[in-house]
Amino acid sequence: MELISRREAINAFIRWNKKEFGYSDLNREMRFIDEIESLPTIEERKVGHWIKHFDDMFPGDSTIECSVCHEEQYTTIDDNFCPNCGARMKGE
């Protein structure tokens, strides 16, 4: 998903408004700004890594743990994202 800042969205609308109508409509622009400002913010994605827990006696029971939410997964396959909290997994 691509993200843009609220300020960029507002400036783009103001430019479009002037181009489309040939003038700036302050009422329309202020309503748009109010609408944009009321939208919820998007959390910045967390970055973590997998903590591996090997079981020597029962390798099938080995787990990996998310360093962000500490949820354990009963698998030895490293995914790029934690299925529990959505953190991006990088490094060790």
PDB file of N, CA and C in Angstrom:
ATOM      1  N   MET A   1       0.840  -1.166   0.000  1.00  0.00           N
ATOM      2  CA  MET A   1       0.000   0.000   0.000  1.00  0.00           C
ATOM      3  C   MET A   1       0.890   1.235   0.000  1.00  0.00           C
ATOM      4  N   GLU A   2       0.565   2.157  -0.865  1.00  0.00           N
ATOM      5  CA  GLU A   2       1.319   3.401  -0.907  1.00  0.00           C
ATOM      6  C   GLU A   2       0.639   4.428  -0.019  1.00  0.00           C
ATOM      7  N   LEU A   3       1.443   5.213   0.672  1.00  0.00           N
ATOM      8  CA  LEU A   3       0.910   6.220   1.570  1.00  0.00           C
ATOM      9  C   LEU A   3       1.388   7.598   1.155  1.00  0.00           C
ATOM     10  N   ILE A   4       0.529   8.593   1.332  1.00  0.00           N
ATOM     11  CA  ILE A   4       0.931   9.976   1.129  1.00  0.00           C
ATOM     12  C   ILE A   4       0.541  10.743   2.383  1.00  0.00           C
ATOM     13  N   SER A   5       1.180  11.873   2.592  1.00  0.00           N
ATOM     14  CA  SER A   5       0.856  12.651   3.783  1.00  0.00           C
ATOM     15  C   SER A   5      -0.452  13.396   3.575  1.00  0.00           C
ATOM     16  N   ARG A   6      -1.069  13.759   4.664  1.00  0.00           N
ATOM     17  CA  ARG A   6      -2.310  14.532   4.588  1.00  0.00           C
ATOM     18  C   ARG A   6      -2.053  15.856   3.885  1.00  0.00           C
ATOM     19  N   ARG A   7      -0.918  16.484   4.196  1.00  0.00           N
ATOM     20  CA  ARG A   7      -0.583  17.777   3.592  1.00  0.00           C
ATOM     21  C   ARG A   7      -0.459  17.634   2.077  1.00  0.00           C
ATOM     22  N   GLU A   8       0.175  16.551   1.592  1.00  0.00           N
ATOM     23  CA  GLU A   8       0.283  16.334   0.143  1.00  0.00           C
ATOM     24  C   GLU A   8      -1.089  16.163  -0.485  1.00  0.00           C
ATOM     25  N   ALA A   9      -1.979  15.442   0.187  1.00  0.00           N
ATOM     26  CA  ALA A   9      -3.340  15.243  -0.339  1.00  0.00           C
ATOM     27  C   ALA A   9      -4.085  16.572  -0.416  1.00  0.00           C
ATOM     28  N   ILE A  10      -3.960  17.371   0.609  1.00  0.00           N
ATOM     29  CA  ILE A  10      -4.635  18.673   0.626  1.00  0.00           C
ATOM     30  C   ILE A  10      -4.094  19.563  -0.483  1.00  0.00           C
ATOM     31  N   ASN A  11      -2.769  19.630  -0.615  1.00  0.00           N
ATOM     32  CA  ASN A  11      -2.163  20.462  -1.660  1.00  0.00           C
ATOM     33  C   ASN A  11      -2.566  19.988  -3.056  1.00  0.00           C
ATOM     34  N   ALA A  12      -2.642  18.670  -3.258  1.00  0.00           N
ATOM     35  CA  ALA A  12      -3.052  18.132  -4.554  1.00  0.00           C
ATOM     36  C   ALA A  12      -4.494  18.522  -4.855  1.00  0.00           C
ATOM     37  N   PHE A  13      -5.362  18.467  -3.860  1.00  0.00           N
ATOM     38  CA  PHE A  13      -6.756  18.852  -4.068  1.00  0.00           C
ATOM     39  C   PHE A  13      -6.864  20.334  -4.403  1.00  0.00           C
ATOM     40  N   ILE A  14      -6.124  21.165  -3.705  1.00  0.00           N
ATOM     41  CA  ILE A  14      -6.168  22.614  -3.970  1.00  0.00           C
ATOM     42  C   ILE A  14      -5.703  22.898  -5.400  1.00  0.00           C
ATOM     43  N   ARG A  15      -4.615  22.231  -5.834  1.00  0.00           N
ATOM     44  CA  ARG A  15      -4.134  22.410  -7.216  1.00  0.00           C
ATOM     45  C   ARG A  15      -5.195  21.941  -8.210  1.00  0.00           C
ATOM     46  N   TRP A  16      -5.814  20.777  -7.952  1.00  0.00           N
ATOM     47  CA  TRP A  16      -6.851  20.249  -8.840  1.00  0.00           C
ATOM     48  C   TRP A  16      -8.051  21.194  -8.885  1.00  0.00           C
ATOM     49  N   ASN A  17      -8.444  21.689  -7.728  1.00  0.00           N
ATOM     50  CA  ASN A  17      -9.590  22.588  -7.633  1.00  0.00           C
ATOM     51  C   ASN A  17      -9.365  23.839  -8.487  1.00  0.00           C
ATOM     52  N   LYS A  18      -8.174  24.420  -8.413  1.00  0.00           N
ATOM     53  CA  LYS A  18      -7.870  25.619  -9.204  1.00  0.00           C
ATOM     54  C   LYS A  18      -7.838  25.298 -10.698  1.00  0.00           C
ATOM     55  N   LYS A  19      -7.270  24.140 -11.037  1.00  0.00           N
ATOM     56  CA  LYS A  19      -7.169  23.756 -12.447  1.00  0.00           C
ATOM     57  C   LYS A  19      -8.555  23.438 -13.024  1.00  0.00           C
ATOM     58  N   GLU A  20      -9.369  22.708 -12.268  1.00  0.00           N
ATOM     59  CA  GLU A  20     -10.676  22.269 -12.737  1.00  0.00           C
ATOM     60  C   GLU A  20     -11.661  23.429 -12.881  1.00  0.00           C
ATOM     61  N   PHE A  21     -11.655  24.341 -11.929  1.00  0.00           N
ATOM     62  CA  PHE A  21     -12.656  25.413 -11.917  1.00  0.00           C
ATOM     63  C   PHE A  21     -12.083  26.781 -12.276  1.00  0.00           C
ATOM     64  N   GLY A  22     -10.763  26.875 -12.403  1.00  0.00           N
ATOM     65  CA  GLY A  22     -10.138  28.138 -12.780  1.00  0.00           C
ATOM     66  C   GLY A  22     -10.017  29.135 -11.641  1.00  0.00           C
ATOM     67  N   TYR A  23     -10.431  28.723 -10.481  1.00  0.00           N
ATOM     68  CA  TYR A  23     -10.311  29.598  -9.308  1.00  0.00           C
ATOM     69  C   TYR A  23     -10.270  28.725  -8.056  1.00  0.00           C
ATOM     70  N   SER A  24      -9.897  29.323  -6.948  1.00  0.00           N
ATOM     71  CA  SER A  24      -9.845  28.614  -5.679  1.00  0.00           C
ATOM     72  C   SER A  24     -11.172  28.792  -4.958  1.00  0.00           C
ATOM     73  N   ASP A  25     -11.804  27.700  -4.607  1.00  0.00           N
ATOM     74  CA  ASP A  25     -13.055  27.735  -3.856  1.00  0.00           C
ATOM     75  C   ASP A  25     -12.725  27.401  -2.405  1.00  0.00           C
ATOM     76  N   LEU A  26     -12.555  28.429  -1.596  1.00  0.00           N
ATOM     77  CA  LEU A  26     -12.120  28.254  -0.208  1.00  0.00           C
ATOM     78  C   LEU A  26     -13.099  27.398   0.586  1.00  0.00           C
ATOM     79  N   ASN A  27     -14.394  27.550   0.337  1.00  0.00           N
ATOM     80  CA  ASN A  27     -15.386  26.737   1.042  1.00  0.00           C
ATOM     81  C   ASN A  27     -15.179  25.249   0.776  1.00  0.00           C
ATOM     82  N   ARG A  28     -15.057  24.902  -0.503  1.00  0.00           N
ATOM     83  CA  ARG A  28     -14.858  23.506  -0.891  1.00  0.00           C
ATOM     84  C   ARG A  28     -13.532  22.990  -0.336  1.00  0.00           C
ATOM     85  N   GLU A  29     -12.482  23.804  -0.412  1.00  0.00           N
ATOM     86  CA  GLU A  29     -11.176  23.392   0.082  1.00  0.00           C
ATOM     87  C   GLU A  29     -11.198  23.174   1.594  1.00  0.00           C
ATOM     88  N   MET A  30     -11.876  24.034   2.327  1.00  0.00           N
ATOM     89  CA  MET A  30     -11.933  23.884   3.782  1.00  0.00           C
ATOM     90  C   MET A  30     -12.729  22.637   4.174  1.00  0.00           C
ATOM     91  N   ARG A  31     -13.811  22.331   3.441  1.00  0.00           N
ATOM     92  CA  ARG A  31     -14.570  21.103   3.717  1.00  0.00           C
ATOM     93  C   ARG A  31     -13.707  19.880   3.458  1.00  0.00           C
ATOM     94  N   PHE A  32     -12.928  19.920   2.364  1.00  0.00           N
ATOM     95  CA  PHE A  32     -12.030  18.802   2.048  1.00  0.00           C
ATOM     96  C   PHE A  32     -10.964  18.657   3.130  1.00  0.00           C
ATOM     97  N   ILE A  33     -10.376  19.767   3.551  1.00  0.00           N
ATOM     98  CA  ILE A  33      -9.341  19.722   4.598  1.00  0.00           C
ATOM     99  C   ILE A  33      -9.927  19.139   5.886  1.00  0.00           C
ATOM    100  N   ASP A  34     -11.121  19.556   6.267  1.00  0.00           N
ATOM    101  CA  ASP A  34     -11.770  19.011   7.460  1.00  0.00           C
ATOM    102  C   ASP A  34     -11.971  17.501   7.331  1.00  0.00           C
ATOM    103  N   GLU A  35     -12.392  17.062   6.129  1.00  0.00           N
ATOM    104  CA  GLU A  35     -12.608  15.629   5.894  1.00  0.00           C
ATOM    105  C   GLU A  35     -11.296  14.850   6.009  1.00  0.00           C
ATOM    106  N   ILE A  36     -10.247  15.361   5.383  1.00  0.00           N
ATOM    107  CA  ILE A  36      -8.933  14.694   5.436  1.00  0.00           C
ATOM    108  C   ILE A  36      -8.417  14.638   6.872  1.00  0.00           C
ATOM    109  N   GLU A  37      -8.550  15.734   7.592  1.00  0.00           N
ATOM    110  CA  GLU A  37      -8.049  15.792   8.969  1.00  0.00           C
ATOM    111  C   GLU A  37      -8.803  14.843   9.887  1.00  0.00           C
ATOM    112  N   SER A  38     -10.048  14.507   9.547  1.00  0.00           N
ATOM    113  CA  SER A  38     -10.832  13.622  10.408  1.00  0.00           C
ATOM    114  C   SER A  38     -10.538  12.136  10.157  1.00  0.00           C
ATOM    115  N   LEU A  39      -9.807  11.826   9.094  1.00  0.00           N
ATOM    116  CA  LEU A  39      -9.487  10.427   8.803  1.00  0.00           C
ATOM    117  C   LEU A  39      -8.516   9.871   9.832  1.00  0.00           C
ATOM    118  N   PRO A  40      -8.642   8.583  10.157  1.00  0.00           N
ATOM    119  CA  PRO A  40      -7.711   8.000  11.128  1.00  0.00           C
ATOM    120  C   PRO A  40      -6.313   7.894  10.542  1.00  0.00           C
ATOM    121  N   THR A  41      -5.336   7.962  11.402  1.00  0.00           N
ATOM    122  CA  THR A  41      -3.949   7.812  10.955  1.00  0.00           C
ATOM    123  C   THR A  41      -3.621   6.330  10.845  1.00  0.00           C
ATOM    124  N   ILE A  42      -2.630   6.027  10.050  1.00  0.00           N
ATOM    125  CA  ILE A  42      -2.180   4.648   9.877  1.00  0.00           C
ATOM    126  C   ILE A  42      -0.960   4.436  10.756  1.00  0.00           C
ATOM    127  N   GLU A  43      -0.993   3.368  11.528  1.00  0.00           N
ATOM    128  CA  GLU A  43       0.152   3.056  12.381  1.00  0.00           C
ATOM    129  C   GLU A  43       1.368   2.745  11.527  1.00  0.00           C
ATOM    130  N   GLU A  44       2.505   3.160  12.017  1.00  0.00           N
ATOM    131  CA  GLU A  44       3.731   2.796  11.329  1.00  0.00           C
ATOM    132  C   GLU A  44       3.971   1.307  11.566  1.00  0.00           C
ATOM    133  N   ARG A  45       4.340   0.605  10.515  1.00  0.00           N
ATOM    134  CA  ARG A  45       4.525  -0.839  10.630  1.00  0.00           C
ATOM    135  C   ARG A  45       5.715  -1.152  11.532  1.00  0.00           C
ATOM    136  N   LYS A  46       5.503  -2.088  12.432  1.00  0.00           N
ATOM    137  CA  LYS A  46       6.558  -2.517  13.343  1.00  0.00           C
ATOM    138  C   LYS A  46       7.505  -3.447  12.605  1.00  0.00           C
ATOM    139  N   VAL A  47       8.761  -3.449  13.027  1.00  0.00           N
ATOM    140  CA  VAL A  47       9.765  -4.335  12.444  1.00  0.00           C
ATOM    141  C   VAL A  47      10.341  -5.181  13.566  1.00  0.00           C
ATOM    142  N   GLY A  48      10.414  -6.471  13.330  1.00  0.00           N
ATOM    143  CA  GLY A  48      10.947  -7.386  14.337  1.00  0.00           C
ATOM    144  C   GLY A  48      11.766  -8.475  13.693  1.00  0.00           C
ATOM    145  N   HIS A  49      11.984  -9.529  14.445  1.00  0.00           N
ATOM    146  CA  HIS A  49      12.715 -10.686  13.918  1.00  0.00           C
ATOM    147  C   HIS A  49      12.166 -11.938  14.604  1.00  0.00           C
ATOM    148  N   TRP A  50      12.421 -13.063  13.976  1.00  0.00           N
ATOM    149  CA  TRP A  50      11.994 -14.336  14.545  1.00  0.00           C
ATOM    150  C   TRP A  50      13.019 -14.812  15.561  1.00  0.00           C
ATOM    151  N   ILE A  51      12.563 -15.258  16.710  1.00  0.00           N
ATOM    152  CA  ILE A  51      13.394 -15.897  17.725  1.00  0.00           C
ATOM    153  C   ILE A  51      13.117 -17.385  17.595  1.00  0.00           C
ATOM    154  N   LYS A  52      14.147 -18.140  17.271  1.00  0.00           N
ATOM    155  CA  LYS A  52      13.960 -19.566  17.014  1.00  0.00           C
ATOM    156  C   LYS A  52      14.156 -20.375  18.288  1.00  0.00           C
ATOM    157  N   HIS A  53      13.215 -21.300  18.540  1.00  0.00           N
ATOM    158  CA  HIS A  53      13.280 -22.210  19.677  1.00  0.00           C
ATOM    159  C   HIS A  53      13.306 -23.627  19.119  1.00  0.00           C
ATOM    160  N   PHE A  54      14.486 -24.242  19.144  1.00  0.00           N
ATOM    161  CA  PHE A  54      14.625 -25.589  18.600  1.00  0.00           C
ATOM    162  C   PHE A  54      14.406 -26.631  19.684  1.00  0.00           C
ATOM    163  N   ASP A  55      13.676 -27.660  19.340  1.00  0.00           N
ATOM    164  CA  ASP A  55      13.461 -28.801  20.225  1.00  0.00           C
ATOM    165  C   ASP A  55      14.249 -29.958  19.645  1.00  0.00           C
ATOM    166  N   ASP A  56      15.394 -30.292  20.281  1.00  0.00           N
ATOM    167  CA  ASP A  56      16.287 -31.346  19.767  1.00  0.00           C
ATOM    168  C   ASP A  56      15.626 -32.723  19.767  1.00  0.00           C
ATOM    169  N   MET A  57      14.812 -32.998  20.770  1.00  0.00           N
ATOM    170  CA  MET A  57      14.192 -34.320  20.854  1.00  0.00           C
ATOM    171  C   MET A  57      13.030 -34.454  19.875  1.00  0.00           C
ATOM    172  N   PHE A  58      12.283 -33.376  19.694  1.00  0.00           N
ATOM    173  CA  PHE A  58      11.123 -33.400  18.803  1.00  0.00           C
ATOM    174  C   PHE A  58      11.197 -32.209  17.853  1.00  0.00           C
ATOM    175  N   PRO A  59      11.994 -32.327  16.770  1.00  0.00           N
ATOM    176  CA  PRO A  59      12.168 -31.201  15.848  1.00  0.00           C
ATOM    177  C   PRO A  59      10.856 -30.652  15.291  1.00  0.00           C
ATOM    178  N   GLY A  60       9.853 -31.491  15.185  1.00  0.00           N
ATOM    179  CA  GLY A  60       8.551 -31.037  14.700  1.00  0.00           C
ATOM    180  C   GLY A  60       7.874 -30.083  15.665  1.00  0.00           C
ATOM    181  N   ASP A  61       8.318 -30.084  16.919  1.00  0.00           N
ATOM    182  CA  ASP A  61       7.742 -29.189  17.925  1.00  0.00           C
ATOM    183  C   ASP A  61       8.529 -27.885  18.051  1.00  0.00           C
ATOM    184  N   SER A  62       9.512 -27.674  17.181  1.00  0.00           N
ATOM    185  CA  SER A  62      10.283 -26.429  17.217  1.00  0.00           C
ATOM    186  C   SER A  62       9.357 -25.257  16.896  1.00  0.00           C
ATOM    187  N   THR A  63       9.638 -24.106  17.481  1.00  0.00           N
ATOM    188  CA  THR A  63       8.786 -22.933  17.279  1.00  0.00           C
ATOM    189  C   THR A  63       9.631 -21.721  16.915  1.00  0.00           C
ATOM    190  N   ILE A  64       8.954 -20.707  16.390  1.00  0.00           N
ATOM    191  CA  ILE A  64       9.569 -19.403  16.191  1.00  0.00           C
ATOM    192  C   ILE A  64       8.676 -18.392  16.905  1.00  0.00           C
ATOM    193  N   GLU A  65       9.304 -17.379  17.485  1.00  0.00           N
ATOM    194  CA  GLU A  65       8.593 -16.382  18.291  1.00  0.00           C
ATOM    195  C   GLU A  65       8.826 -15.000  17.696  1.00  0.00           C
ATOM    196  N   CYS A  66       7.778 -14.229  17.594  1.00  0.00           N
ATOM    197  CA  CYS A  66       7.879 -12.859  17.103  1.00  0.00           C
ATOM    198  C   CYS A  66       8.506 -11.992  18.191  1.00  0.00           C
ATOM    199  N   SER A  67       9.540 -11.222  17.831  1.00  0.00           N
ATOM    200  CA  SER A  67      10.203 -10.372  18.820  1.00  0.00           C
ATOM    201  C   SER A  67       9.357  -9.162  19.203  1.00  0.00           C
ATOM    202  N   VAL A  68       8.291  -8.879  18.452  1.00  0.00           N
ATOM    203  CA  VAL A  68       7.440  -7.723  18.744  1.00  0.00           C
ATOM    204  C   VAL A  68       6.302  -8.106  19.691  1.00  0.00           C
ATOM    205  N   CYS A  69       5.518  -9.130  19.326  1.00  0.00           N
ATOM    206  CA  CYS A  69       4.355  -9.493  20.140  1.00  0.00           C
ATOM    207  C   CYS A  69       4.583 -10.761  20.965  1.00  0.00           C
ATOM    208  N   HIS A  70       5.674 -11.454  20.711  1.00  0.00           N
ATOM    209  CA  HIS A  70       6.085 -12.665  21.433  1.00  0.00           C
ATOM    210  C   HIS A  70       5.108 -13.828  21.262  1.00  0.00           C
ATOM    211  N   GLU A  71       4.350 -13.796  20.177  1.00  0.00           N
ATOM    212  CA  GLU A  71       3.476 -14.917  19.832  1.00  0.00           C
ATOM    213  C   GLU A  71       4.333 -15.999  19.187  1.00  0.00           C
ATOM    214  N   GLU A  72       4.177 -17.241  19.646  1.00  0.00           N
ATOM    215  CA  GLU A  72       4.944 -18.345  19.072  1.00  0.00           C
ATOM    216  C   GLU A  72       4.149 -19.028  17.975  1.00  0.00           C
ATOM    217  N   GLN A  73       4.859 -19.426  16.939  1.00  0.00           N
ATOM    218  CA  GLN A  73       4.273 -20.154  15.817  1.00  0.00           C
ATOM    219  C   GLN A  73       4.888 -21.555  15.815  1.00  0.00           C
ATOM    220  N   TYR A  74       4.077 -22.557  15.698  1.00  0.00           N
ATOM    221  CA  TYR A  74       4.576 -23.925  15.676  1.00  0.00           C
ATOM    222  C   TYR A  74       4.973 -24.318  14.275  1.00  0.00           C
ATOM    223  N   THR A  75       6.037 -23.689  13.821  1.00  0.00           N
ATOM    224  CA  THR A  75       6.562 -23.976  12.495  1.00  0.00           C
ATOM    225  C   THR A  75       8.025 -23.549  12.468  1.00  0.00           C
ATOM    226  N   THR A  76       8.771 -24.122  11.583  1.00  0.00           N
ATOM    227  CA  THR A  76      10.170 -23.698  11.415  1.00  0.00           C
ATOM    228  C   THR A  76      10.331 -22.902  10.126  1.00  0.00           C
ATOM    229  N   ILE A  77       9.217 -22.610   9.471  1.00  0.00           N
ATOM    230  CA  ILE A  77       9.256 -21.812   8.241  1.00  0.00           C
ATOM    231  C   ILE A  77       9.246 -20.339   8.622  1.00  0.00           C
ATOM    232  N   ASP A  78      10.225 -19.602   8.130  1.00  0.00           N
ATOM    233  CA  ASP A  78      10.293 -18.172   8.420  1.00  0.00           C
ATOM    234  C   ASP A  78       9.429 -17.399   7.433  1.00  0.00           C
ATOM    235  N   ASP A  79       8.392 -16.740   7.938  1.00  0.00           N
ATOM    236  CA  ASP A  79       7.557 -15.866   7.111  1.00  0.00           C
ATOM    237  C   ASP A  79       8.117 -14.455   7.168  1.00  0.00           C
ATOM    238  N   ASN A  80       7.761 -13.626   6.193  1.00  0.00           N
ATOM    239  CA  ASN A  80       8.223 -12.237   6.177  1.00  0.00           C
ATOM    240  C   ASN A  80       7.433 -11.341   7.120  1.00  0.00           C
ATOM    241  N   PHE A  81       6.253 -11.812   7.569  1.00  0.00           N
ATOM    242  CA  PHE A  81       5.408 -11.020   8.459  1.00  0.00           C
ATOM    243  C   PHE A  81       4.860 -11.910   9.559  1.00  0.00           C
ATOM    244  N   CYS A  82       4.697 -11.349  10.738  1.00  0.00           N
ATOM    245  CA  CYS A  82       4.073 -12.079  11.839  1.00  0.00           C
ATOM    246  C   CYS A  82       2.572 -12.140  11.578  1.00  0.00           C
ATOM    247  N   PRO A  83       1.974 -13.336  11.580  1.00  0.00           N
ATOM    248  CA  PRO A  83       0.538 -13.435  11.331  1.00  0.00           C
ATOM    249  C   PRO A  83      -0.301 -12.885  12.489  1.00  0.00           C
ATOM    250  N   ASN A  84       0.295 -12.700  13.655  1.00  0.00           N
ATOM    251  CA  ASN A  84      -0.437 -12.201  14.814  1.00  0.00           C
ATOM    252  C   ASN A  84      -0.502 -10.676  14.856  1.00  0.00           C
ATOM    253  N   CYS A  85       0.666  -9.992  14.710  1.00  0.00           N
ATOM    254  CA  CYS A  85       0.683  -8.526  14.859  1.00  0.00           C
ATOM    255  C   CYS A  85       1.011  -7.800  13.568  1.00  0.00           C
ATOM    256  N   GLY A  86       1.405  -8.513  12.518  1.00  0.00           N
ATOM    257  CA  GLY A  86       1.686  -7.887  11.232  1.00  0.00           C
ATOM    258  C   GLY A  86       3.074  -7.271  11.095  1.00  0.00           C
ATOM    259  N   ALA A  87       3.923  -7.457  12.110  1.00  0.00           N
ATOM    260  CA  ALA A  87       5.268  -6.883  12.063  1.00  0.00           C
ATOM    261  C   ALA A  87       6.060  -7.491  10.915  1.00  0.00           C
ATOM    262  N   ARG A  88       6.846  -6.666  10.250  1.00  0.00           N
ATOM    263  CA  ARG A  88       7.739  -7.138   9.191  1.00  0.00           C
ATOM    264  C   ARG A  88       8.959  -7.761   9.855  1.00  0.00           C
ATOM    265  N   MET A  89       9.322  -8.944   9.414  1.00  0.00           N
ATOM    266  CA  MET A  89      10.444  -9.665  10.012  1.00  0.00           C
ATOM    267  C   MET A  89      11.715  -9.438   9.204  1.00  0.00           C
ATOM    268  N   LYS A  90      12.734  -8.932   9.890  1.00  0.00           N
ATOM    269  CA  LYS A  90      14.025  -8.681   9.240  1.00  0.00           C
ATOM    270  C   LYS A  90      15.131  -9.123  10.172  1.00  0.00           C
ATOM    271  N   GLY A  91      16.140  -9.711   9.614  1.00  0.00           N
ATOM    272  CA  GLY A  91      17.352 -10.060  10.386  1.00  0.00           C
ATOM    273  C   GLY A  91      17.104 -11.046  11.493  1.00  0.00           C
ATOM    274  N   GLU A  92      18.071 -11.141  12.386  1.00  0.00           N
ATOM    275  CA  GLU A  92      18.022 -12.063  13.514  1.00  0.00           C
ATOM    276  C   GLU A  92      17.796 -11.324  14.811  1.00  0.00           C
TER     277      GLU A  92
END
